[in-house]
Amino acid sequence: MAEVKKQKKVISKADIINLVAGSVKDVSKASVTKIIDSALDTIKKAISSDKKAIIIGFGTFKQRERKARLGRNPQTGKEIKIPASKSIGFTPGKDFKELVNAKKK
């Protein structure tokens, strides 16, 4: 019986670089790496300076505020203070949502 390979559930940055380099002609893998690194750095800088990064058809990245709150230590049950913090939020665009929710045939 033939062995069936499981589909990989994770796509890494290296995988993305290889896929983009393979789909774009006349662009080296090194150039694709620089472009992707630059795009990601630009998004990170925008979010860290409290700006939104909107990619039409993909989604919006933005900074979110978390208020200080009380929590519980799961091991002891003792109340602990959780300080306010910032996090990163992502809201998928309409096209992206439709792709994810499309029924597979």
PDB file of N, CA and C in Angstrom:
ATOM      1  N   MET A   1       0.837  -1.179   0.000  1.00  0.00           N
ATOM      2  CA  MET A   1       0.000   0.000   0.000  1.00  0.00           C
ATOM      3  C   MET A   1       0.880   1.239   0.000  1.00  0.00           C
ATOM      4  N   ALA A   2       0.548   2.193  -0.814  1.00  0.00           N
ATOM      5  CA  ALA A   2       1.341   3.416  -0.922  1.00  0.00           C
ATOM      6  C   ALA A   2       1.170   4.265   0.329  1.00  0.00           C
ATOM      7  N   GLU A   3       2.269   4.880   0.714  1.00  0.00           N
ATOM      8  CA  GLU A   3       2.244   5.733   1.904  1.00  0.00           C
ATOM      9  C   GLU A   3       1.685   7.105   1.523  1.00  0.00           C
ATOM     10  N   VAL A   4       0.756   7.597   2.310  1.00  0.00           N
ATOM     11  CA  VAL A   4       0.135   8.893   2.050  1.00  0.00           C
ATOM     12  C   VAL A   4       0.799   9.927   2.946  1.00  0.00           C
ATOM     13  N   LYS A   5       1.302  11.002   2.322  1.00  0.00           N
ATOM     14  CA  LYS A   5       1.927  12.069   3.096  1.00  0.00           C
ATOM     15  C   LYS A   5       0.844  12.985   3.639  1.00  0.00           C
ATOM     16  N   LYS A   6       1.032  13.394   4.893  1.00  0.00           N
ATOM     17  CA  LYS A   6       0.105  14.351   5.479  1.00  0.00           C
ATOM     18  C   LYS A   6       0.407  15.733   4.924  1.00  0.00           C
ATOM     19  N   GLN A   7      -0.640  16.512   4.712  1.00  0.00           N
ATOM     20  CA  GLN A   7      -0.468  17.879   4.226  1.00  0.00           C
ATOM     21  C   GLN A   7       0.115  18.722   5.358  1.00  0.00           C
ATOM     22  N   LYS A   8       1.087  19.536   5.014  1.00  0.00           N
ATOM     23  CA  LYS A   8       1.721  20.403   5.988  1.00  0.00           C
ATOM     24  C   LYS A   8       0.727  21.457   6.457  1.00  0.00           C
ATOM     25  N   LYS A   9       0.568  21.618   7.769  1.00  0.00           N
ATOM     26  CA  LYS A   9      -0.409  22.548   8.333  1.00  0.00           C
ATOM     27  C   LYS A   9       0.175  23.939   8.574  1.00  0.00           C
ATOM     28  N   VAL A  10       1.472  24.095   8.376  1.00  0.00           N
ATOM     29  CA  VAL A  10       2.139  25.371   8.633  1.00  0.00           C
ATOM     30  C   VAL A  10       2.897  25.792   7.380  1.00  0.00           C
ATOM     31  N   ILE A  11       2.825  27.064   7.068  1.00  0.00           N
ATOM     32  CA  ILE A  11       3.634  27.589   5.975  1.00  0.00           C
ATOM     33  C   ILE A  11       4.574  28.624   6.597  1.00  0.00           C
ATOM     34  N   SER A  12       5.843  28.420   6.406  1.00  0.00           N
ATOM     35  CA  SER A  12       6.849  29.294   7.020  1.00  0.00           C
ATOM     36  C   SER A  12       7.205  30.447   6.081  1.00  0.00           C
ATOM     37  N   LYS A  13       7.964  31.375   6.619  1.00  0.00           N
ATOM     38  CA  LYS A  13       8.433  32.500   5.807  1.00  0.00           C
ATOM     39  C   LYS A  13       9.280  31.978   4.635  1.00  0.00           C
ATOM     40  N   ALA A  14      10.099  30.982   4.895  1.00  0.00           N
ATOM     41  CA  ALA A  14      10.923  30.391   3.828  1.00  0.00           C
ATOM     42  C   ALA A  14      10.046  29.767   2.738  1.00  0.00           C
ATOM     43  N   ASP A  15       8.947  29.122   3.156  1.00  0.00           N
ATOM     44  CA  ASP A  15       8.007  28.543   2.186  1.00  0.00           C
ATOM     45  C   ASP A  15       7.383  29.635   1.320  1.00  0.00           C
ATOM     46  N   ILE A  16       6.998  30.739   1.954  1.00  0.00           N
ATOM     47  CA  ILE A  16       6.406  31.859   1.213  1.00  0.00           C
ATOM     48  C   ILE A  16       7.402  32.411   0.207  1.00  0.00           C
ATOM     49  N   ILE A  17       8.643  32.590   0.638  1.00  0.00           N
ATOM     50  CA  ILE A  17       9.696  33.106  -0.254  1.00  0.00           C
ATOM     51  C   ILE A  17       9.872  32.172  -1.443  1.00  0.00           C
ATOM     52  N   ASN A  18       9.933  30.876  -1.195  1.00  0.00           N
ATOM     53  CA  ASN A  18      10.103  29.904  -2.283  1.00  0.00           C
ATOM     54  C   ASN A  18       8.913  29.923  -3.245  1.00  0.00           C
ATOM     55  N   LEU A  19       7.698  30.012  -2.708  1.00  0.00           N
ATOM     56  CA  LEU A  19       6.509  30.035  -3.568  1.00  0.00           C
ATOM     57  C   LEU A  19       6.456  31.300  -4.419  1.00  0.00           C
ATOM     58  N   VAL A  20       6.770  32.445  -3.814  1.00  0.00           N
ATOM     59  CA  VAL A  20       6.753  33.702  -4.571  1.00  0.00           C
ATOM     60  C   VAL A  20       7.854  33.692  -5.623  1.00  0.00           C
ATOM     61  N   ALA A  21       9.054  33.262  -5.241  1.00  0.00           N
ATOM     62  CA  ALA A  21      10.171  33.214  -6.200  1.00  0.00           C
ATOM     63  C   ALA A  21       9.849  32.273  -7.358  1.00  0.00           C
ATOM     64  N   GLY A  22       9.126  31.195  -7.084  1.00  0.00           N
ATOM     65  CA  GLY A  22       8.754  30.249  -8.134  1.00  0.00           C
ATOM     66  C   GLY A  22       7.664  30.760  -9.045  1.00  0.00           C
ATOM     67  N   SER A  23       6.835  31.679  -8.547  1.00  0.00           N
ATOM     68  CA  SER A  23       5.722  32.154  -9.373  1.00  0.00           C
ATOM     69  C   SER A  23       6.037  33.440 -10.134  1.00  0.00           C
ATOM     70  N   VAL A  24       7.122  34.104  -9.773  1.00  0.00           N
ATOM     71  CA  VAL A  24       7.504  35.347 -10.457  1.00  0.00           C
ATOM     72  C   VAL A  24       8.765  35.074 -11.277  1.00  0.00           C
ATOM     73  N   LYS A  25       8.684  35.327 -12.570  1.00  0.00           N
ATOM     74  CA  LYS A  25       9.833  35.070 -13.440  1.00  0.00           C
ATOM     75  C   LYS A  25      10.833  36.214 -13.341  1.00  0.00           C
ATOM     76  N   ASP A  26      12.069  35.911 -13.592  1.00  0.00           N
ATOM     77  CA  ASP A  26      13.164  36.889 -13.663  1.00  0.00           C
ATOM     78  C   ASP A  26      13.414  37.644 -12.356  1.00  0.00           C
ATOM     79  N   VAL A  27      13.018  37.077 -11.218  1.00  0.00           N
ATOM     80  CA  VAL A  27      13.309  37.682  -9.920  1.00  0.00           C
ATOM     81  C   VAL A  27      13.985  36.613  -9.067  1.00  0.00           C
ATOM     82  N   SER A  28      15.152  36.952  -8.541  1.00  0.00           N
ATOM     83  CA  SER A  28      15.898  35.970  -7.757  1.00  0.00           C
ATOM     84  C   SER A  28      15.265  35.762  -6.387  1.00  0.00           C
ATOM     85  N   LYS A  29      15.600  34.632  -5.794  1.00  0.00           N
ATOM     86  CA  LYS A  29      15.124  34.309  -4.452  1.00  0.00           C
ATOM     87  C   LYS A  29      15.634  35.348  -3.452  1.00  0.00           C
ATOM     88  N   ALA A  30      16.847  35.819  -3.637  1.00  0.00           N
ATOM     89  CA  ALA A  30      17.425  36.838  -2.754  1.00  0.00           C
ATOM     90  C   ALA A  30      16.631  38.134  -2.842  1.00  0.00           C
ATOM     91  N   SER A  31      16.216  38.512  -4.043  1.00  0.00           N
ATOM     92  CA  SER A  31      15.413  39.726  -4.217  1.00  0.00           C
ATOM     93  C   SER A  31      14.047  39.585  -3.559  1.00  0.00           C
ATOM     94  N   VAL A  32      13.434  38.424  -3.725  1.00  0.00           N
ATOM     95  CA  VAL A  32      12.132  38.168  -3.102  1.00  0.00           C
ATOM     96  C   VAL A  32      12.266  38.246  -1.580  1.00  0.00           C
ATOM     97  N   THR A  33      13.342  37.695  -1.043  1.00  0.00           N
ATOM     98  CA  THR A  33      13.576  37.739   0.400  1.00  0.00           C
ATOM     99  C   THR A  33      13.678  39.176   0.891  1.00  0.00           C
ATOM    100  N   LYS A  34      14.431  40.013   0.164  1.00  0.00           N
ATOM    101  CA  LYS A  34      14.563  41.425   0.541  1.00  0.00           C
ATOM    102  C   LYS A  34      13.223  42.143   0.490  1.00  0.00           C
ATOM    103  N   ILE A  35      12.434  41.862  -0.522  1.00  0.00           N
ATOM    104  CA  ILE A  35      11.135  42.513  -0.682  1.00  0.00           C
ATOM    105  C   ILE A  35      10.189  42.115   0.445  1.00  0.00           C
ATOM    106  N   ILE A  36      10.113  40.834   0.733  1.00  0.00           N
ATOM    107  CA  ILE A  36       9.221  40.361   1.798  1.00  0.00           C
ATOM    108  C   ILE A  36       9.675  40.897   3.150  1.00  0.00           C
ATOM    109  N   ASP A  37      10.986  40.859   3.418  1.00  0.00           N
ATOM    110  CA  ASP A  37      11.509  41.403   4.679  1.00  0.00           C
ATOM    111  C   ASP A  37      11.173  42.884   4.810  1.00  0.00           C
ATOM    112  N   SER A  38      11.332  43.632   3.730  1.00  0.00           N
ATOM    113  CA  SER A  38      11.037  45.059   3.741  1.00  0.00           C
ATOM    114  C   SER A  38       9.547  45.321   3.984  1.00  0.00           C
ATOM    115  N   ALA A  39       8.690  44.544   3.346  1.00  0.00           N
ATOM    116  CA  ALA A  39       7.244  44.705   3.530  1.00  0.00           C
ATOM    117  C   ALA A  39       6.850  44.406   4.978  1.00  0.00           C
ATOM    118  N   LEU A  40       7.385  43.338   5.541  1.00  0.00           N
ATOM    119  CA  LEU A  40       7.063  42.987   6.925  1.00  0.00           C
ATOM    120  C   LEU A  40       7.588  44.029   7.907  1.00  0.00           C
ATOM    121  N   ASP A  41       8.792  44.535   7.669  1.00  0.00           N
ATOM    122  CA  ASP A  41       9.352  45.588   8.529  1.00  0.00           C
ATOM    123  C   ASP A  41       8.498  46.852   8.473  1.00  0.00           C
ATOM    124  N   THR A  42       8.029  47.202   7.289  1.00  0.00           N
ATOM    125  CA  THR A  42       7.182  48.385   7.121  1.00  0.00           C
ATOM    126  C   THR A  42       5.879  48.225   7.909  1.00  0.00           C
ATOM    127  N   ILE A  43       5.279  47.047   7.847  1.00  0.00           N
ATOM    128  CA  ILE A  43       4.048  46.784   8.600  1.00  0.00           C
ATOM    129  C   ILE A  43       4.331  46.867  10.099  1.00  0.00           C
ATOM    130  N   LYS A  44       5.418  46.259  10.563  1.00  0.00           N
ATOM    131  CA  LYS A  44       5.775  46.292  11.988  1.00  0.00           C
ATOM    132  C   LYS A  44       5.983  47.724  12.479  1.00  0.00           C
ATOM    133  N   LYS A  45       6.697  48.536  11.698  1.00  0.00           N
ATOM    134  CA  LYS A  45       6.947  49.929  12.086  1.00  0.00           C
ATOM    135  C   LYS A  45       5.643  50.724  12.142  1.00  0.00           C
ATOM    136  N   ALA A  46       4.750  50.494  11.202  1.00  0.00           N
ATOM    137  CA  ALA A  46       3.467  51.194  11.191  1.00  0.00           C
ATOM    138  C   ALA A  46       2.658  50.836  12.435  1.00  0.00           C
ATOM    139  N   ILE A  47       2.574  49.567  12.756  1.00  0.00           N
ATOM    140  CA  ILE A  47       1.788  49.125  13.904  1.00  0.00           C
ATOM    141  C   ILE A  47       2.401  49.634  15.205  1.00  0.00           C
ATOM    142  N   SER A  48       3.723  49.596  15.314  1.00  0.00           N
ATOM    143  CA  SER A  48       4.367  50.052  16.549  1.00  0.00           C
ATOM    144  C   SER A  48       4.225  51.551  16.753  1.00  0.00           C
ATOM    145  N   SER A  49       3.987  52.319  15.690  1.00  0.00           N
ATOM    146  CA  SER A  49       3.768  53.760  15.830  1.00  0.00           C
ATOM    147  C   SER A  49       2.272  54.098  15.801  1.00  0.00           C
ATOM    148  N   ASP A  50       1.442  53.093  16.134  1.00  0.00           N
ATOM    149  CA  ASP A  50      -0.009  53.242  16.280  1.00  0.00           C
ATOM    150  C   ASP A  50      -0.721  53.639  14.987  1.00  0.00           C
ATOM    151  N   LYS A  51      -0.219  53.147  13.854  1.00  0.00           N
ATOM    152  CA  LYS A  51      -0.902  53.341  12.579  1.00  0.00           C
ATOM    153  C   LYS A  51      -1.505  52.005  12.150  1.00  0.00           C
ATOM    154  N   LYS A  52      -2.476  52.059  11.260  1.00  0.00           N
ATOM    155  CA  LYS A  52      -3.043  50.845  10.680  1.00  0.00           C
ATOM    156  C   LYS A  52      -2.264  50.498   9.420  1.00  0.00           C
ATOM    157  N   ALA A  53      -2.143  49.225   9.140  1.00  0.00           N
ATOM    158  CA  ALA A  53      -1.568  48.761   7.883  1.00  0.00           C
ATOM    159  C   ALA A  53      -2.688  48.037   7.147  1.00  0.00           C
ATOM    160  N   ILE A  54      -3.172  48.648   6.071  1.00  0.00           N
ATOM    161  CA  ILE A  54      -4.293  48.093   5.320  1.00  0.00           C
ATOM    162  C   ILE A  54      -3.783  47.543   3.996  1.00  0.00           C
ATOM    163  N   ILE A  55      -4.071  46.275   3.756  1.00  0.00           N
ATOM    164  CA  ILE A  55      -3.717  45.631   2.492  1.00  0.00           C
ATOM    165  C   ILE A  55      -5.039  45.202   1.858  1.00  0.00           C
ATOM    166  N   ILE A  56      -5.466  45.953   0.858  1.00  0.00           N
ATOM    167  CA  ILE A  56      -6.763  45.713   0.223  1.00  0.00           C
ATOM    168  C   ILE A  56      -6.829  44.270  -0.285  1.00  0.00           C
ATOM    169  N   GLY A  57      -7.928  43.592   0.013  1.00  0.00           N
ATOM    170  CA  GLY A  57      -8.124  42.207  -0.407  1.00  0.00           C
ATOM    171  C   GLY A  57      -7.520  41.202   0.562  1.00  0.00           C
ATOM    172  N   PHE A  58      -6.694  41.671   1.496  1.00  0.00           N
ATOM    173  CA  PHE A  58      -6.072  40.771   2.469  1.00  0.00           C
ATOM    174  C   PHE A  58      -6.590  41.065   3.864  1.00  0.00           C
ATOM    175  N   GLY A  59      -6.345  42.290   4.362  1.00  0.00           N
ATOM    176  CA  GLY A  59      -6.837  42.627   5.688  1.00  0.00           C
ATOM    177  C   GLY A  59      -6.156  43.841   6.278  1.00  0.00           C
ATOM    178  N   THR A  60      -6.478  44.103   7.542  1.00  0.00           N
ATOM    179  CA  THR A  60      -5.965  45.263   8.251  1.00  0.00           C
ATOM    180  C   THR A  60      -5.281  44.823   9.537  1.00  0.00           C
ATOM    181  N   PHE A  61      -4.069  45.315   9.747  1.00  0.00           N
ATOM    182  CA  PHE A  61      -3.332  45.098  10.987  1.00  0.00           C
ATOM    183  C   PHE A  61      -3.417  46.393  11.777  1.00  0.00           C
ATOM    184  N   LYS A  62      -3.656  46.282  13.085  1.00  0.00           N
ATOM    185  CA  LYS A  62      -3.674  47.488  13.906  1.00  0.00           C
ATOM    186  C   LYS A  62      -3.322  47.139  15.345  1.00  0.00           C
ATOM    187  N   GLN A  63      -2.941  48.184  16.076  1.00  0.00           N
ATOM    188  CA  GLN A  63      -2.584  48.036  17.466  1.00  0.00           C
ATOM    189  C   GLN A  63      -3.859  48.064  18.310  1.00  0.00           C
ATOM    190  N   ARG A  64      -3.914  47.206  19.315  1.00  0.00           N
ATOM    191  CA  ARG A  64      -5.070  47.168  20.213  1.00  0.00           C
ATOM    192  C   ARG A  64      -4.592  47.344  21.649  1.00  0.00           C
ATOM    193  N   GLU A  65      -5.425  47.991  22.433  1.00  0.00           N
ATOM    194  CA  GLU A  65      -5.125  48.229  23.846  1.00  0.00           C
ATOM    195  C   GLU A  65      -5.819  47.177  24.699  1.00  0.00           C
ATOM    196  N   ARG A  66      -5.104  46.664  25.679  1.00  0.00           N
ATOM    197  CA  ARG A  66      -5.701  45.776  26.676  1.00  0.00           C
ATOM    198  C   ARG A  66      -5.656  46.499  28.006  1.00  0.00           C
ATOM    199  N   LYS A  67      -6.788  46.595  28.663  1.00  0.00           N
ATOM    200  CA  LYS A  67      -6.855  47.274  29.953  1.00  0.00           C
ATOM    201  C   LYS A  67      -6.247  46.379  31.038  1.00  0.00           C
ATOM    202  N   ALA A  68      -5.802  47.026  32.123  1.00  0.00           N
ATOM    203  CA  ALA A  68      -5.326  46.271  33.281  1.00  0.00           C
ATOM    204  C   ALA A  68      -6.524  45.508  33.853  1.00  0.00           C
ATOM    205  N   ARG A  69      -6.258  44.336  34.389  1.00  0.00           N
ATOM    206  CA  ARG A  69      -7.359  43.529  34.923  1.00  0.00           C
ATOM    207  C   ARG A  69      -6.840  42.567  35.984  1.00  0.00           C
ATOM    208  N   LEU A  70      -7.760  41.953  36.676  1.00  0.00           N
ATOM    209  CA  LEU A  70      -7.406  40.932  37.650  1.00  0.00           C
ATOM    210  C   LEU A  70      -7.529  39.569  36.994  1.00  0.00           C
ATOM    211  N   GLY A  71      -6.594  38.708  37.296  1.00  0.00           N
ATOM    212  CA  GLY A  71      -6.632  37.351  36.788  1.00  0.00           C
ATOM    213  C   GLY A  71      -6.369  36.387  37.931  1.00  0.00           C
ATOM    214  N   ARG A  72      -6.258  35.135  37.627  1.00  0.00           N
ATOM    215  CA  ARG A  72      -5.981  34.117  38.649  1.00  0.00           C
ATOM    216  C   ARG A  72      -4.802  33.264  38.213  1.00  0.00           C
ATOM    217  N   ASN A  73      -3.945  32.973  39.168  1.00  0.00           N
ATOM    218  CA  ASN A  73      -2.865  32.027  38.938  1.00  0.00           C
ATOM    219  C   ASN A  73      -3.511  30.649  38.860  1.00  0.00           C
ATOM    220  N   PRO A  74      -3.402  29.938  37.733  1.00  0.00           N
ATOM    221  CA  PRO A  74      -4.093  28.656  37.599  1.00  0.00           C
ATOM    222  C   PRO A  74      -3.590  27.578  38.568  1.00  0.00           C
ATOM    223  N   GLN A  75      -2.360  27.701  39.041  1.00  0.00           N
ATOM    224  CA  GLN A  75      -1.824  26.693  39.953  1.00  0.00           C
ATOM    225  C   GLN A  75      -2.287  26.898  41.390  1.00  0.00           C
ATOM    226  N   THR A  76      -2.361  28.171  41.808  1.00  0.00           N
ATOM    227  CA  THR A  76      -2.703  28.447  43.206  1.00  0.00           C
ATOM    228  C   THR A  76      -4.111  29.005  43.374  1.00  0.00           C
ATOM    229  N   GLY A  77      -4.680  29.558  42.324  1.00  0.00           N
ATOM    230  CA  GLY A  77      -5.992  30.183  42.409  1.00  0.00           C
ATOM    231  C   GLY A  77      -5.937  31.594  42.977  1.00  0.00           C
ATOM    232  N   LYS A  78      -4.747  32.056  43.313  1.00  0.00           N
ATOM    233  CA  LYS A  78      -4.561  33.388  43.895  1.00  0.00           C
ATOM    234  C   LYS A  78      -4.782  34.460  42.822  1.00  0.00           C
ATOM    235  N   GLU A  79      -5.443  35.578  43.234  1.00  0.00           N
ATOM    236  CA  GLU A  79      -5.656  36.689  42.313  1.00  0.00           C
ATOM    237  C   GLU A  79      -4.340  37.391  42.029  1.00  0.00           C
ATOM    238  N   ILE A  80      -4.154  37.763  40.754  1.00  0.00           N
ATOM    239  CA  ILE A  80      -2.964  38.523  40.365  1.00  0.00           C
ATOM    240  C   ILE A  80      -3.401  39.706  39.511  1.00  0.00           C
ATOM    241  N   LYS A  81      -2.603  40.759  39.552  1.00  0.00           N
ATOM    242  CA  LYS A  81      -2.882  41.931  38.734  1.00  0.00           C
ATOM    243  C   LYS A  81      -2.179  41.757  37.398  1.00  0.00           C
ATOM    244  N   ILE A  82      -2.931  41.895  36.331  1.00  0.00           N
ATOM    245  CA  ILE A  82      -2.369  41.816  34.982  1.00  0.00           C
ATOM    246  C   ILE A  82      -2.311  43.249  34.463  1.00  0.00           C
ATOM    247  N   PRO A  83      -1.110  43.758  34.168  1.00  0.00           N
ATOM    248  CA  PRO A  83      -0.994  45.159  33.753  1.00  0.00           C
ATOM    249  C   PRO A  83      -1.572  45.399  32.354  1.00  0.00           C
ATOM    250  N   ALA A  84      -1.865  46.657  32.063  1.00  0.00           N
ATOM    251  CA  ALA A  84      -2.329  47.039  30.727  1.00  0.00           C
ATOM    252  C   ALA A  84      -1.218  46.739  29.727  1.00  0.00           C
ATOM    253  N   SER A  85      -1.608  46.398  28.528  1.00  0.00           N
ATOM    254  CA  SER A  85      -0.620  46.106  27.489  1.00  0.00           C
ATOM    255  C   SER A  85      -1.198  46.399  26.122  1.00  0.00           C
ATOM    256  N   LYS A  86      -0.360  46.311  25.126  1.00  0.00           N
ATOM    257  CA  LYS A  86      -0.785  46.501  23.742  1.00  0.00           C
ATOM    258  C   LYS A  86      -0.623  45.167  23.019  1.00  0.00           C
ATOM    259  N   SER A  87      -1.500  44.933  22.062  1.00  0.00           N
ATOM    260  CA  SER A  87      -1.387  43.732  21.246  1.00  0.00           C
ATOM    261  C   SER A  87      -1.642  44.109  19.790  1.00  0.00           C
ATOM    262  N   ILE A  88      -1.474  43.161  18.922  1.00  0.00           N
ATOM    263  CA  ILE A  88      -1.676  43.391  17.498  1.00  0.00           C
ATOM    264  C   ILE A  88      -2.936  42.657  17.074  1.00  0.00           C
ATOM    265  N   GLY A  89      -3.797  43.353  16.357  1.00  0.00           N
ATOM    266  CA  GLY A  89      -5.015  42.741  15.861  1.00  0.00           C
ATOM    267  C   GLY A  89      -4.985  42.655  14.346  1.00  0.00           C
ATOM    268  N   PHE A  90      -5.661  41.653  13.833  1.00  0.00           N
ATOM    269  CA  PHE A  90      -5.787  41.484  12.389  1.00  0.00           C
ATOM    270  C   PHE A  90      -7.250  41.256  12.069  1.00  0.00           C
ATOM    271  N   THR A  91      -7.757  42.023  11.118  1.00  0.00           N
ATOM    272  CA  THR A  91      -9.110  41.842  10.624  1.00  0.00           C
ATOM    273  C   THR A  91      -9.006  41.484   9.148  1.00  0.00           C
ATOM    274  N   PRO A  92      -9.447  40.288   8.781  1.00  0.00           N
ATOM    275  CA  PRO A  92      -9.331  39.896   7.375  1.00  0.00           C
ATOM    276  C   PRO A  92     -10.240  40.728   6.481  1.00  0.00           C
ATOM    277  N   GLY A  93      -9.786  40.946   5.244  1.00  0.00           N
ATOM    278  CA  GLY A  93     -10.582  41.653   4.253  1.00  0.00           C
ATOM    279  C   GLY A  93     -11.683  40.762   3.698  1.00  0.00           C
ATOM    280  N   LYS A  94     -12.607  41.361   2.992  1.00  0.00           N
ATOM    281  CA  LYS A  94     -13.754  40.641   2.448  1.00  0.00           C
ATOM    282  C   LYS A  94     -13.329  39.469   1.557  1.00  0.00           C
ATOM    283  N   ASP A  95     -12.412  39.712   0.628  1.00  0.00           N
ATOM    284  CA  ASP A  95     -11.966  38.655  -0.287  1.00  0.00           C
ATOM    285  C   ASP A  95     -11.321  37.495   0.466  1.00  0.00           C
ATOM    286  N   PHE A  96     -10.519  37.832   1.475  1.00  0.00           N
ATOM    287  CA  PHE A  96      -9.826  36.817   2.271  1.00  0.00           C
ATOM    288  C   PHE A  96     -10.855  35.984   3.049  1.00  0.00           C
ATOM    289  N   LYS A  97     -11.823  36.648   3.663  1.00  0.00           N
ATOM    290  CA  LYS A  97     -12.872  35.950   4.414  1.00  0.00           C
ATOM    291  C   LYS A  97     -13.637  34.997   3.513  1.00  0.00           C
ATOM    292  N   GLU A  98     -13.994  35.497   2.317  1.00  0.00           N
ATOM    293  CA  GLU A  98     -14.747  34.654   1.372  1.00  0.00           C
ATOM    294  C   GLU A  98     -13.933  33.437   0.956  1.00  0.00           C
ATOM    295  N   LEU A  99     -12.626  33.607   0.756  1.00  0.00           N
ATOM    296  CA  LEU A  99     -11.768  32.480   0.388  1.00  0.00           C
ATOM    297  C   LEU A  99     -11.719  31.438   1.490  1.00  0.00           C
ATOM    298  N   VAL A 100     -11.593  31.899   2.721  1.00  0.00           N
ATOM    299  CA  VAL A 100     -11.519  30.984   3.864  1.00  0.00           C
ATOM    300  C   VAL A 100     -12.840  30.265   4.064  1.00  0.00           C
ATOM    301  N   ASN A 101     -13.950  30.967   3.841  1.00  0.00           N
ATOM    302  CA  ASN A 101     -15.273  30.379   4.071  1.00  0.00           C
ATOM    303  C   ASN A 101     -15.865  29.667   2.868  1.00  0.00           C
ATOM    304  N   ALA A 102     -15.140  29.659   1.747  1.00  0.00           N
ATOM    305  CA  ALA A 102     -15.640  28.984   0.540  1.00  0.00           C
ATOM    306  C   ALA A 102     -15.765  27.485   0.814  1.00  0.00           C
ATOM    307  N   LYS A 103     -16.855  26.932   0.344  1.00  0.00           N
ATOM    308  CA  LYS A 103     -17.066  25.505   0.523  1.00  0.00           C
ATOM    309  C   LYS A 103     -16.193  24.733  -0.447  1.00  0.00           C
ATOM    310  N   LYS A 104     -15.491  23.753   0.095  1.00  0.00           N
ATOM    311  CA  LYS A 104     -14.623  22.923  -0.757  1.00  0.00           C
ATOM    312  C   LYS A 104     -15.465  21.897  -1.480  1.00  0.00           C
ATOM    313  N   LYS A 105     -15.102  21.658  -2.747  1.00  0.00           N
ATOM    314  CA  LYS A 105     -15.853  20.715  -3.580  1.00  0.00           C
ATOM    315  C   LYS A 105     -15.303  19.336  -3.444  1.00  0.00           C
TER     316      LYS A 105
END
